[in-house]
Amino acid sequence: MILLTLYGKAENTVTLELTDLRVSGGVLWSHLDHGLIANYCDSSWKHRGRCYSRLSVAGGCCLLFGISREPTLLSEPLELFSFSGSTFHAAGIAVARYNEQQDMWQGLVRPIWWAAMRIVSAGAVSALVDPARVEILNPWEPSDERGGAVALHRAVDAEPARDSNVREFPSAKRSS
C-alpha cells in the first residue's frame, strides 16, 4: 500500500491510501482509488480546492516509466518520494523539476525529460513488469562511464514509439 500525504498548514494535512499513483505532467491521479488527486498550479499542488506545498509518497515504491501496457524503465524500490513545489525528490535527492510551459519533468541528475511516470508499490511490480523487457534505471544516480548512460540511451532509443515519455535533454548541461 502507498501512503500519499499532502502537507499544508497543520490543520490542512491529508493522507490517502493508494495502490498506484500516476503522474501525467502536473497532474497526480489514481485510476483505481481516487481519480484526480491533485494538479500543479501557481507553485503549489491543489487538491479539492486547497493548496499544498509538499506531498510525500511512502511505502516501498518504485518509479515506472513507459506506457502502461509496455513499461520500459524501472527504478529500484525506495521508501520515500516527494514533491516540494515543482521539484520531485527520491530519498531526499532532487531528481526532477516540473516545467509548466512544456508540461514535462526535467531530470536534474540525469539528462532526460519525461511527461509521465507511475509510482507503484514494490510488491505490485512483478504483476506489472516483465523483468526481461525492462531496464533498471535510477534517475537519482548520475550517468557514468560504466554503462549507466548506455543503458539509458539504449532503453530510450531502442524503440522511440514505445516510450515517448522519456527523452534526452537538448543539451547535457547539469543544473547546480
N, C-alpha and C. Protein backbone atom coordinates (compact mmCIF):
# COMPACT_ATOMS: atom_id res chain seq x y z
N MET A 1 0.84 -1.17 0.00
CA MET A 1 0.00 0.00 0.00
C MET A 1 0.89 1.24 0.00
N ILE A 2 0.48 2.25 -0.73
CA ILE A 2 1.20 3.52 -0.82
C ILE A 2 0.44 4.55 0.00
N LEU A 3 1.16 5.34 0.77
CA LEU A 3 0.55 6.44 1.50
C LEU A 3 0.99 7.76 0.87
N LEU A 4 0.02 8.51 0.39
CA LEU A 4 0.27 9.84 -0.16
C LEU A 4 -0.20 10.86 0.87
N THR A 5 0.71 11.70 1.31
CA THR A 5 0.37 12.73 2.28
C THR A 5 0.58 14.10 1.65
N LEU A 6 -0.45 14.93 1.71
CA LEU A 6 -0.41 16.29 1.21
C LEU A 6 -0.24 17.21 2.41
N TYR A 7 0.80 18.04 2.39
CA TYR A 7 1.12 18.90 3.53
C TYR A 7 0.79 20.35 3.23
N GLY A 8 -0.04 20.92 4.06
CA GLY A 8 -0.35 22.34 4.01
C GLY A 8 -0.11 22.87 5.41
N LYS A 9 -0.98 23.69 5.88
CA LYS A 9 -0.92 24.12 7.27
C LYS A 9 -1.27 22.92 8.14
N ALA A 10 -0.90 22.95 9.41
CA ALA A 10 -1.07 21.80 10.31
C ALA A 10 -2.47 21.20 10.25
N GLU A 11 -3.49 22.02 10.22
CA GLU A 11 -4.87 21.52 10.18
C GLU A 11 -5.29 21.13 8.77
N ASN A 12 -4.41 21.30 7.82
CA ASN A 12 -4.75 21.10 6.42
C ASN A 12 -4.01 19.91 5.79
N THR A 13 -3.50 18.98 6.59
CA THR A 13 -2.77 17.82 6.08
C THR A 13 -3.76 16.69 5.78
N VAL A 14 -3.57 16.05 4.61
CA VAL A 14 -4.45 14.97 4.17
C VAL A 14 -3.59 13.76 3.82
N THR A 15 -4.02 12.57 4.21
CA THR A 15 -3.34 11.33 3.84
C THR A 15 -4.31 10.41 3.11
N LEU A 16 -3.85 9.87 1.97
CA LEU A 16 -4.65 8.96 1.15
C LEU A 16 -3.90 7.64 0.99
N GLU A 17 -4.63 6.53 0.99
CA GLU A 17 -4.04 5.23 0.70
C GLU A 17 -4.28 4.93 -0.77
N LEU A 18 -3.22 4.48 -1.47
CA LEU A 18 -3.28 4.22 -2.90
C LEU A 18 -2.64 2.87 -3.22
N THR A 19 -2.98 2.34 -4.36
CA THR A 19 -2.28 1.17 -4.87
C THR A 19 -1.34 1.55 -6.00
N ASP A 20 -1.59 2.71 -6.61
CA ASP A 20 -0.84 3.13 -7.80
C ASP A 20 -1.02 4.63 -7.94
N LEU A 21 0.07 5.39 -8.04
CA LEU A 21 -0.01 6.83 -8.26
C LEU A 21 0.55 7.12 -9.64
N ARG A 22 -0.23 7.81 -10.44
CA ARG A 22 0.20 8.17 -11.79
C ARG A 22 0.45 9.68 -11.84
N VAL A 23 1.53 10.02 -12.52
CA VAL A 23 1.90 11.42 -12.70
C VAL A 23 1.91 11.68 -14.19
N SER A 24 1.04 12.56 -14.64
CA SER A 24 0.99 12.96 -16.05
C SER A 24 1.20 14.46 -16.10
N GLY A 25 2.43 14.87 -16.44
CA GLY A 25 2.76 16.29 -16.38
C GLY A 25 2.55 16.78 -14.97
N GLY A 26 1.71 17.80 -14.81
CA GLY A 26 1.44 18.37 -13.49
C GLY A 26 0.18 17.84 -12.85
N VAL A 27 -0.23 16.62 -13.18
CA VAL A 27 -1.44 16.03 -12.62
C VAL A 27 -1.09 14.73 -11.91
N LEU A 28 -1.59 14.57 -10.69
CA LEU A 28 -1.44 13.33 -9.93
C LEU A 28 -2.81 12.66 -9.89
N TRP A 29 -2.86 11.38 -10.21
CA TRP A 29 -4.14 10.68 -10.20
C TRP A 29 -3.94 9.20 -9.95
N SER A 30 -5.02 8.54 -9.60
CA SER A 30 -5.02 7.11 -9.36
C SER A 30 -6.28 6.54 -9.99
N HIS A 31 -6.12 5.77 -11.03
CA HIS A 31 -7.28 5.28 -11.77
C HIS A 31 -8.13 4.31 -10.95
N LEU A 32 -7.55 3.64 -9.97
CA LEU A 32 -8.30 2.67 -9.17
C LEU A 32 -8.90 3.24 -7.89
N ASP A 33 -8.18 4.15 -7.25
CA ASP A 33 -8.55 4.54 -5.90
C ASP A 33 -9.28 5.88 -5.77
N HIS A 34 -8.76 6.92 -6.40
CA HIS A 34 -9.28 8.26 -6.13
C HIS A 34 -9.54 9.11 -7.36
N GLY A 35 -9.20 8.67 -8.55
CA GLY A 35 -9.32 9.52 -9.72
C GLY A 35 -8.33 10.66 -9.63
N LEU A 36 -8.74 11.87 -10.00
CA LEU A 36 -7.86 13.04 -9.91
C LEU A 36 -7.55 13.33 -8.45
N ILE A 37 -6.27 13.43 -8.13
CA ILE A 37 -5.85 13.69 -6.76
C ILE A 37 -5.42 15.14 -6.61
N ALA A 38 -4.52 15.60 -7.46
CA ALA A 38 -4.01 16.97 -7.35
C ALA A 38 -3.46 17.43 -8.69
N ASN A 39 -3.40 18.74 -8.86
CA ASN A 39 -2.73 19.29 -10.04
C ASN A 39 -1.83 20.44 -9.59
N TYR A 40 -0.74 20.62 -10.34
CA TYR A 40 0.24 21.65 -10.00
C TYR A 40 -0.18 22.96 -10.67
N CYS A 41 -0.27 24.02 -9.88
CA CYS A 41 -0.68 25.32 -10.41
C CYS A 41 -0.18 26.41 -9.47
N ASP A 42 0.42 27.44 -10.02
CA ASP A 42 0.87 28.58 -9.22
C ASP A 42 1.75 28.17 -8.04
N SER A 43 2.74 27.34 -8.31
CA SER A 43 3.75 26.92 -7.32
C SER A 43 3.23 26.05 -6.18
N SER A 44 2.05 25.45 -6.34
CA SER A 44 1.57 24.54 -5.30
C SER A 44 0.73 23.43 -5.94
N TRP A 45 0.42 22.43 -5.13
CA TRP A 45 -0.40 21.31 -5.56
C TRP A 45 -1.81 21.53 -5.03
N LYS A 46 -2.81 21.49 -5.90
CA LYS A 46 -4.19 21.74 -5.49
C LYS A 46 -4.95 20.42 -5.42
N HIS A 47 -5.56 20.20 -4.26
CA HIS A 47 -6.37 19.01 -4.01
C HIS A 47 -7.69 19.47 -3.42
N ARG A 48 -8.77 19.19 -4.12
CA ARG A 48 -10.11 19.57 -3.66
C ARG A 48 -10.21 21.04 -3.23
N GLY A 49 -9.65 21.91 -4.06
CA GLY A 49 -9.76 23.35 -3.83
C GLY A 49 -8.77 23.94 -2.84
N ARG A 50 -7.95 23.12 -2.22
CA ARG A 50 -6.96 23.61 -1.26
C ARG A 50 -5.55 23.44 -1.82
N CYS A 51 -4.66 24.34 -1.42
CA CYS A 51 -3.27 24.32 -1.89
C CYS A 51 -2.37 23.63 -0.88
N TYR A 52 -1.44 22.84 -1.40
CA TYR A 52 -0.47 22.12 -0.57
C TYR A 52 0.92 22.38 -1.14
N SER A 53 1.86 22.68 -0.26
CA SER A 53 3.22 23.00 -0.71
C SER A 53 4.06 21.75 -0.93
N ARG A 54 3.75 20.67 -0.22
CA ARG A 54 4.54 19.43 -0.31
C ARG A 54 3.63 18.22 -0.33
N LEU A 55 4.12 17.16 -0.98
CA LEU A 55 3.44 15.87 -0.96
C LEU A 55 4.51 14.81 -0.74
N SER A 56 4.19 13.78 0.00
CA SER A 56 5.12 12.66 0.15
C SER A 56 4.42 11.37 -0.26
N VAL A 57 5.22 10.46 -0.81
CA VAL A 57 4.72 9.15 -1.24
C VAL A 57 5.60 8.13 -0.53
N ALA A 58 5.02 7.36 0.39
CA ALA A 58 5.79 6.44 1.21
C ALA A 58 5.23 5.03 1.11
N GLY A 59 6.11 4.07 1.40
CA GLY A 59 5.65 2.70 1.47
C GLY A 59 6.39 1.70 0.60
N GLY A 60 7.64 1.89 0.32
CA GLY A 60 8.39 0.94 -0.51
C GLY A 60 7.89 0.95 -1.94
N CYS A 61 8.26 1.97 -2.69
CA CYS A 61 7.72 2.18 -4.04
C CYS A 61 8.82 2.19 -5.09
N CYS A 62 8.41 1.96 -6.33
CA CYS A 62 9.30 2.03 -7.48
C CYS A 62 8.72 3.03 -8.48
N LEU A 63 9.60 3.70 -9.20
CA LEU A 63 9.18 4.54 -10.32
C LEU A 63 9.11 3.64 -11.54
N LEU A 64 8.08 3.82 -12.33
CA LEU A 64 7.88 3.03 -13.53
C LEU A 64 7.63 3.99 -14.68
N PHE A 65 8.44 3.90 -15.72
CA PHE A 65 8.32 4.76 -16.89
C PHE A 65 7.85 3.96 -18.09
N GLY A 66 7.17 4.60 -19.00
CA GLY A 66 6.69 3.96 -20.21
C GLY A 66 5.19 3.83 -20.19
N ILE A 67 4.63 3.34 -21.26
CA ILE A 67 3.18 3.21 -21.33
C ILE A 67 2.73 2.03 -20.48
N SER A 68 1.52 2.08 -19.99
CA SER A 68 1.02 1.08 -19.04
C SER A 68 1.15 -0.35 -19.53
N ARG A 69 0.83 -0.60 -20.78
CA ARG A 69 0.86 -1.98 -21.26
C ARG A 69 2.26 -2.46 -21.63
N GLU A 70 3.22 -1.53 -21.70
CA GLU A 70 4.57 -1.92 -22.06
C GLU A 70 5.61 -1.02 -21.39
N PRO A 71 5.77 -1.12 -20.06
CA PRO A 71 6.74 -0.27 -19.38
C PRO A 71 8.16 -0.59 -19.83
N THR A 72 9.04 0.43 -19.80
CA THR A 72 10.40 0.25 -20.31
C THR A 72 11.49 0.51 -19.28
N LEU A 73 11.26 1.38 -18.31
CA LEU A 73 12.26 1.72 -17.31
C LEU A 73 11.67 1.57 -15.92
N LEU A 74 12.45 1.06 -15.00
CA LEU A 74 12.00 0.81 -13.63
C LEU A 74 13.11 1.20 -12.68
N SER A 75 12.75 1.80 -11.54
CA SER A 75 13.75 2.12 -10.53
C SER A 75 13.77 1.03 -9.46
N GLU A 76 14.82 1.05 -8.67
CA GLU A 76 14.87 0.18 -7.51
C GLU A 76 13.87 0.73 -6.48
N PRO A 77 13.40 -0.11 -5.56
CA PRO A 77 12.44 0.37 -4.54
C PRO A 77 13.07 1.39 -3.59
N LEU A 78 12.28 2.38 -3.22
CA LEU A 78 12.66 3.37 -2.22
C LEU A 78 11.50 3.55 -1.27
N GLU A 79 11.79 3.97 -0.06
CA GLU A 79 10.74 4.18 0.93
C GLU A 79 10.03 5.53 0.79
N LEU A 80 10.70 6.51 0.16
CA LEU A 80 10.09 7.84 0.13
C LEU A 80 10.38 8.58 -1.17
N PHE A 81 9.32 9.06 -1.79
CA PHE A 81 9.38 10.00 -2.89
C PHE A 81 8.61 11.22 -2.42
N SER A 82 8.95 12.41 -2.93
CA SER A 82 8.20 13.59 -2.53
C SER A 82 8.19 14.64 -3.62
N PHE A 83 7.21 15.51 -3.54
CA PHE A 83 7.07 16.65 -4.42
C PHE A 83 7.09 17.87 -3.51
N SER A 84 8.03 18.77 -3.73
CA SER A 84 8.11 20.00 -2.97
C SER A 84 8.02 21.13 -3.99
N GLY A 85 6.85 21.76 -4.07
CA GLY A 85 6.63 22.71 -5.14
C GLY A 85 6.76 21.99 -6.46
N SER A 86 7.61 22.50 -7.34
CA SER A 86 7.79 21.89 -8.66
C SER A 86 8.91 20.87 -8.71
N THR A 87 9.53 20.56 -7.58
CA THR A 87 10.67 19.64 -7.55
C THR A 87 10.26 18.26 -7.04
N PHE A 88 10.68 17.23 -7.77
CA PHE A 88 10.42 15.83 -7.41
C PHE A 88 11.69 15.26 -6.78
N HIS A 89 11.53 14.62 -5.60
CA HIS A 89 12.65 14.05 -4.86
C HIS A 89 12.50 12.54 -4.72
N ALA A 90 13.64 11.86 -4.74
CA ALA A 90 13.70 10.42 -4.46
C ALA A 90 14.67 10.26 -3.30
N ALA A 91 14.18 9.74 -2.18
CA ALA A 91 15.01 9.56 -0.98
C ALA A 91 15.72 10.85 -0.59
N GLY A 92 15.04 11.97 -0.73
CA GLY A 92 15.59 13.26 -0.34
C GLY A 92 16.47 13.93 -1.38
N ILE A 93 16.72 13.28 -2.51
CA ILE A 93 17.56 13.84 -3.57
C ILE A 93 16.66 14.44 -4.64
N ALA A 94 16.89 15.71 -4.98
CA ALA A 94 16.11 16.37 -6.04
C ALA A 94 16.51 15.74 -7.37
N VAL A 95 15.55 15.11 -8.05
CA VAL A 95 15.86 14.42 -9.30
C VAL A 95 15.20 15.04 -10.52
N ALA A 96 14.15 15.85 -10.33
CA ALA A 96 13.48 16.44 -11.49
C ALA A 96 12.74 17.70 -11.07
N ARG A 97 12.52 18.56 -12.05
CA ARG A 97 11.73 19.76 -11.84
C ARG A 97 10.65 19.80 -12.91
N TYR A 98 9.43 20.14 -12.48
CA TYR A 98 8.31 20.22 -13.41
C TYR A 98 8.37 21.54 -14.18
N ASN A 99 8.28 21.46 -15.50
CA ASN A 99 8.28 22.62 -16.38
C ASN A 99 6.85 22.83 -16.85
N GLU A 100 6.16 23.83 -16.30
CA GLU A 100 4.75 24.06 -16.63
C GLU A 100 4.53 24.39 -18.10
N GLN A 101 5.44 25.15 -18.70
CA GLN A 101 5.26 25.54 -20.10
C GLN A 101 5.27 24.33 -21.03
N GLN A 102 6.11 23.34 -20.74
CA GLN A 102 6.21 22.15 -21.58
C GLN A 102 5.39 20.99 -21.02
N ASP A 103 4.84 21.14 -19.83
CA ASP A 103 4.08 20.09 -19.16
C ASP A 103 4.87 18.79 -19.09
N MET A 104 6.16 18.93 -18.71
CA MET A 104 7.06 17.78 -18.62
C MET A 104 7.99 17.94 -17.42
N TRP A 105 8.58 16.83 -17.04
CA TRP A 105 9.55 16.78 -15.96
C TRP A 105 10.94 16.77 -16.57
N GLN A 106 11.84 17.60 -16.03
CA GLN A 106 13.21 17.70 -16.50
C GLN A 106 14.13 17.10 -15.44
N GLY A 107 14.88 16.07 -15.83
CA GLY A 107 15.80 15.46 -14.89
C GLY A 107 16.87 16.44 -14.44
N LEU A 108 17.20 16.44 -13.16
CA LEU A 108 18.24 17.31 -12.63
C LEU A 108 19.56 16.57 -12.47
N VAL A 109 19.51 15.26 -12.30
CA VAL A 109 20.72 14.46 -12.11
C VAL A 109 21.11 13.78 -13.42
N ARG A 110 20.13 13.30 -14.16
CA ARG A 110 20.35 12.66 -15.46
C ARG A 110 19.79 13.56 -16.56
N PRO A 111 20.39 13.53 -17.73
CA PRO A 111 19.92 14.39 -18.83
C PRO A 111 18.72 13.79 -19.57
N ILE A 112 17.57 13.74 -18.90
CA ILE A 112 16.36 13.20 -19.53
C ILE A 112 15.17 14.11 -19.24
N TRP A 113 14.16 14.02 -20.10
CA TRP A 113 12.87 14.67 -19.92
C TRP A 113 11.82 13.59 -19.96
N TRP A 114 10.74 13.73 -19.22
CA TRP A 114 9.64 12.78 -19.34
C TRP A 114 8.32 13.47 -19.05
N ALA A 115 7.25 12.94 -19.63
CA ALA A 115 5.92 13.52 -19.46
C ALA A 115 5.11 12.78 -18.41
N ALA A 116 5.40 11.50 -18.22
CA ALA A 116 4.58 10.70 -17.31
C ALA A 116 5.43 9.65 -16.60
N MET A 117 4.96 9.27 -15.41
CA MET A 117 5.60 8.20 -14.64
C MET A 117 4.54 7.64 -13.70
N ARG A 118 4.83 6.48 -13.18
CA ARG A 118 3.97 5.87 -12.16
C ARG A 118 4.82 5.58 -10.94
N ILE A 119 4.20 5.68 -9.80
CA ILE A 119 4.83 5.27 -8.55
C ILE A 119 3.98 4.11 -8.05
N VAL A 120 4.58 2.94 -8.00
CA VAL A 120 3.84 1.73 -7.64
C VAL A 120 4.52 1.05 -6.46
N SER A 121 3.74 0.33 -5.69
CA SER A 121 4.33 -0.38 -4.55
C SER A 121 5.26 -1.46 -5.07
N ALA A 122 6.34 -1.68 -4.36
CA ALA A 122 7.34 -2.66 -4.79
C ALA A 122 6.71 -4.05 -4.94
N GLY A 123 5.73 -4.36 -4.11
CA GLY A 123 5.06 -5.66 -4.17
C GLY A 123 4.23 -5.85 -5.42
N ALA A 124 3.82 -4.76 -6.06
CA ALA A 124 2.98 -4.86 -7.26
C ALA A 124 3.80 -4.88 -8.54
N VAL A 125 5.09 -4.62 -8.47
CA VAL A 125 5.92 -4.53 -9.67
C VAL A 125 5.89 -5.81 -10.50
N SER A 126 5.97 -6.96 -9.85
CA SER A 126 6.02 -8.23 -10.59
C SER A 126 4.76 -8.46 -11.43
N ALA A 127 3.64 -7.91 -11.01
CA ALA A 127 2.41 -8.04 -11.79
C ALA A 127 2.36 -7.07 -12.96
N LEU A 128 3.19 -6.03 -12.94
CA LEU A 128 3.15 -5.00 -13.97
C LEU A 128 4.29 -5.08 -14.97
N VAL A 129 5.39 -5.71 -14.59
CA VAL A 129 6.61 -5.64 -15.38
C VAL A 129 7.18 -7.03 -15.66
N ASP A 130 7.55 -7.26 -16.91
CA ASP A 130 8.31 -8.44 -17.29
C ASP A 130 9.79 -8.06 -17.17
N PRO A 131 10.52 -8.63 -16.22
CA PRO A 131 11.91 -8.22 -15.99
C PRO A 131 12.80 -8.32 -17.23
N ALA A 132 12.49 -9.21 -18.15
CA ALA A 132 13.30 -9.36 -19.36
C ALA A 132 13.09 -8.21 -20.34
N ARG A 133 12.02 -7.44 -20.17
CA ARG A 133 11.69 -6.38 -21.12
C ARG A 133 11.82 -4.98 -20.56
N VAL A 134 12.45 -4.85 -19.40
CA VAL A 134 12.55 -3.54 -18.76
C VAL A 134 14.00 -3.29 -18.33
N GLU A 135 14.42 -2.04 -18.41
CA GLU A 135 15.75 -1.63 -17.94
C GLU A 135 15.61 -1.08 -16.54
N ILE A 136 16.57 -1.38 -15.67
CA ILE A 136 16.60 -0.79 -14.34
C ILE A 136 17.35 0.53 -14.46
N LEU A 137 16.72 1.61 -14.05
CA LEU A 137 17.31 2.94 -14.16
C LEU A 137 16.90 3.74 -12.94
N ASN A 138 17.88 4.31 -12.28
CA ASN A 138 17.58 5.19 -11.16
C ASN A 138 17.91 6.61 -11.57
N PRO A 139 16.87 7.45 -11.75
CA PRO A 139 17.12 8.82 -12.21
C PRO A 139 17.84 9.69 -11.20
N TRP A 140 18.02 9.20 -9.97
CA TRP A 140 18.72 9.99 -8.96
C TRP A 140 20.20 9.65 -8.92
N GLU A 141 20.66 8.68 -9.74
CA GLU A 141 22.08 8.36 -9.82
C GLU A 141 22.63 8.91 -11.13
N PRO A 142 23.71 9.71 -11.07
CA PRO A 142 24.26 10.27 -12.31
C PRO A 142 24.74 9.19 -13.26
N SER A 143 24.71 9.49 -14.55
CA SER A 143 25.25 8.59 -15.57
C SER A 143 26.74 8.47 -15.33
N ASP A 144 27.29 7.30 -15.65
CA ASP A 144 28.73 7.12 -15.51
C ASP A 144 29.28 6.42 -16.74
N GLU A 145 30.59 6.27 -16.78
CA GLU A 145 31.26 5.65 -17.92
C GLU A 145 31.10 4.13 -17.94
N ARG A 146 30.57 3.53 -16.87
CA ARG A 146 30.47 2.08 -16.80
C ARG A 146 29.17 1.55 -17.36
N GLY A 147 28.40 2.38 -18.07
CA GLY A 147 27.21 1.85 -18.71
C GLY A 147 25.91 2.48 -18.30
N GLY A 148 25.91 3.34 -17.28
CA GLY A 148 24.66 3.96 -16.86
C GLY A 148 24.02 4.75 -17.98
N ALA A 149 24.81 5.55 -18.67
CA ALA A 149 24.28 6.35 -19.77
C ALA A 149 23.94 5.45 -20.96
N VAL A 150 24.74 4.40 -21.17
CA VAL A 150 24.47 3.49 -22.28
C VAL A 150 23.13 2.80 -22.09
N ALA A 151 22.85 2.33 -20.87
CA ALA A 151 21.57 1.67 -20.62
C ALA A 151 20.42 2.63 -20.85
N LEU A 152 20.57 3.88 -20.42
CA LEU A 152 19.52 4.87 -20.63
C LEU A 152 19.29 5.11 -22.11
N HIS A 153 20.36 5.35 -22.87
CA HIS A 153 20.21 5.63 -24.30
C HIS A 153 19.65 4.42 -25.03
N ARG A 154 20.08 3.22 -24.66
CA ARG A 154 19.56 2.02 -25.30
C ARG A 154 18.06 1.89 -25.03
N ALA A 155 17.65 2.12 -23.81
CA ALA A 155 16.23 1.99 -23.47
C ALA A 155 15.39 3.07 -24.16
N VAL A 156 15.91 4.29 -24.25
CA VAL A 156 15.16 5.38 -24.85
C VAL A 156 15.19 5.30 -26.36
N ASP A 157 16.36 4.98 -26.95
CA ASP A 157 16.50 5.00 -28.40
C ASP A 157 16.08 3.71 -29.09
N ALA A 158 16.01 2.60 -28.35
CA ALA A 158 15.71 1.31 -28.98
C ALA A 158 14.38 1.32 -29.71
N GLU A 159 13.36 1.81 -29.09
CA GLU A 159 12.04 1.86 -29.70
C GLU A 159 11.37 3.16 -29.30
N PRO A 160 11.69 4.26 -29.99
CA PRO A 160 11.16 5.55 -29.57
C PRO A 160 9.64 5.60 -29.52
N ALA A 161 8.95 4.84 -30.34
CA ALA A 161 7.49 4.86 -30.32
C ALA A 161 6.94 4.20 -29.06
N ARG A 162 7.72 3.27 -28.48
CA ARG A 162 7.25 2.58 -27.28
C ARG A 162 7.20 3.50 -26.08
N ASP A 163 8.16 4.40 -25.98
CA ASP A 163 8.23 5.22 -24.78
C ASP A 163 8.55 6.66 -25.13
N SER A 164 7.55 7.36 -25.60
CA SER A 164 7.75 8.76 -25.96
C SER A 164 7.72 9.65 -24.73
N ASN A 165 7.56 9.07 -23.55
CA ASN A 165 7.51 9.87 -22.32
C ASN A 165 8.88 10.20 -21.77
N VAL A 166 9.94 9.57 -22.27
CA VAL A 166 11.29 9.83 -21.78
C VAL A 166 12.13 10.28 -22.95
N ARG A 167 12.79 11.44 -22.83
CA ARG A 167 13.63 11.98 -23.90
C ARG A 167 14.90 12.54 -23.30
N GLU A 168 15.96 12.61 -24.13
CA GLU A 168 17.20 13.24 -23.70
C GLU A 168 17.02 14.75 -23.65
N PHE A 169 17.86 15.41 -22.85
CA PHE A 169 17.91 16.86 -22.87
C PHE A 169 18.38 17.30 -24.24
N PRO A 170 18.00 18.49 -24.69
CA PRO A 170 18.59 19.05 -25.90
C PRO A 170 20.10 19.22 -25.73
N SER A 171 20.55 19.59 -24.55
CA SER A 171 21.98 19.64 -24.24
C SER A 171 22.16 18.97 -22.91
N ALA A 172 23.30 18.40 -22.67
CA ALA A 172 23.53 17.62 -21.46
C ALA A 172 24.12 18.46 -20.33
N LYS A 173 23.77 19.72 -20.26
CA LYS A 173 24.25 20.56 -19.17
C LYS A 173 23.54 20.19 -17.89
N ARG A 174 24.25 20.17 -16.80
CA ARG A 174 23.68 19.84 -15.50
C ARG A 174 23.30 21.09 -14.75
N SER A 175 22.22 20.99 -14.00
CA SER A 175 21.83 22.10 -13.11
C SER A 175 22.65 22.00 -11.85
N SER A 176 22.93 23.11 -11.24
CA SER A 176 23.68 23.05 -9.98
C SER A 176 22.87 23.60 -8.86
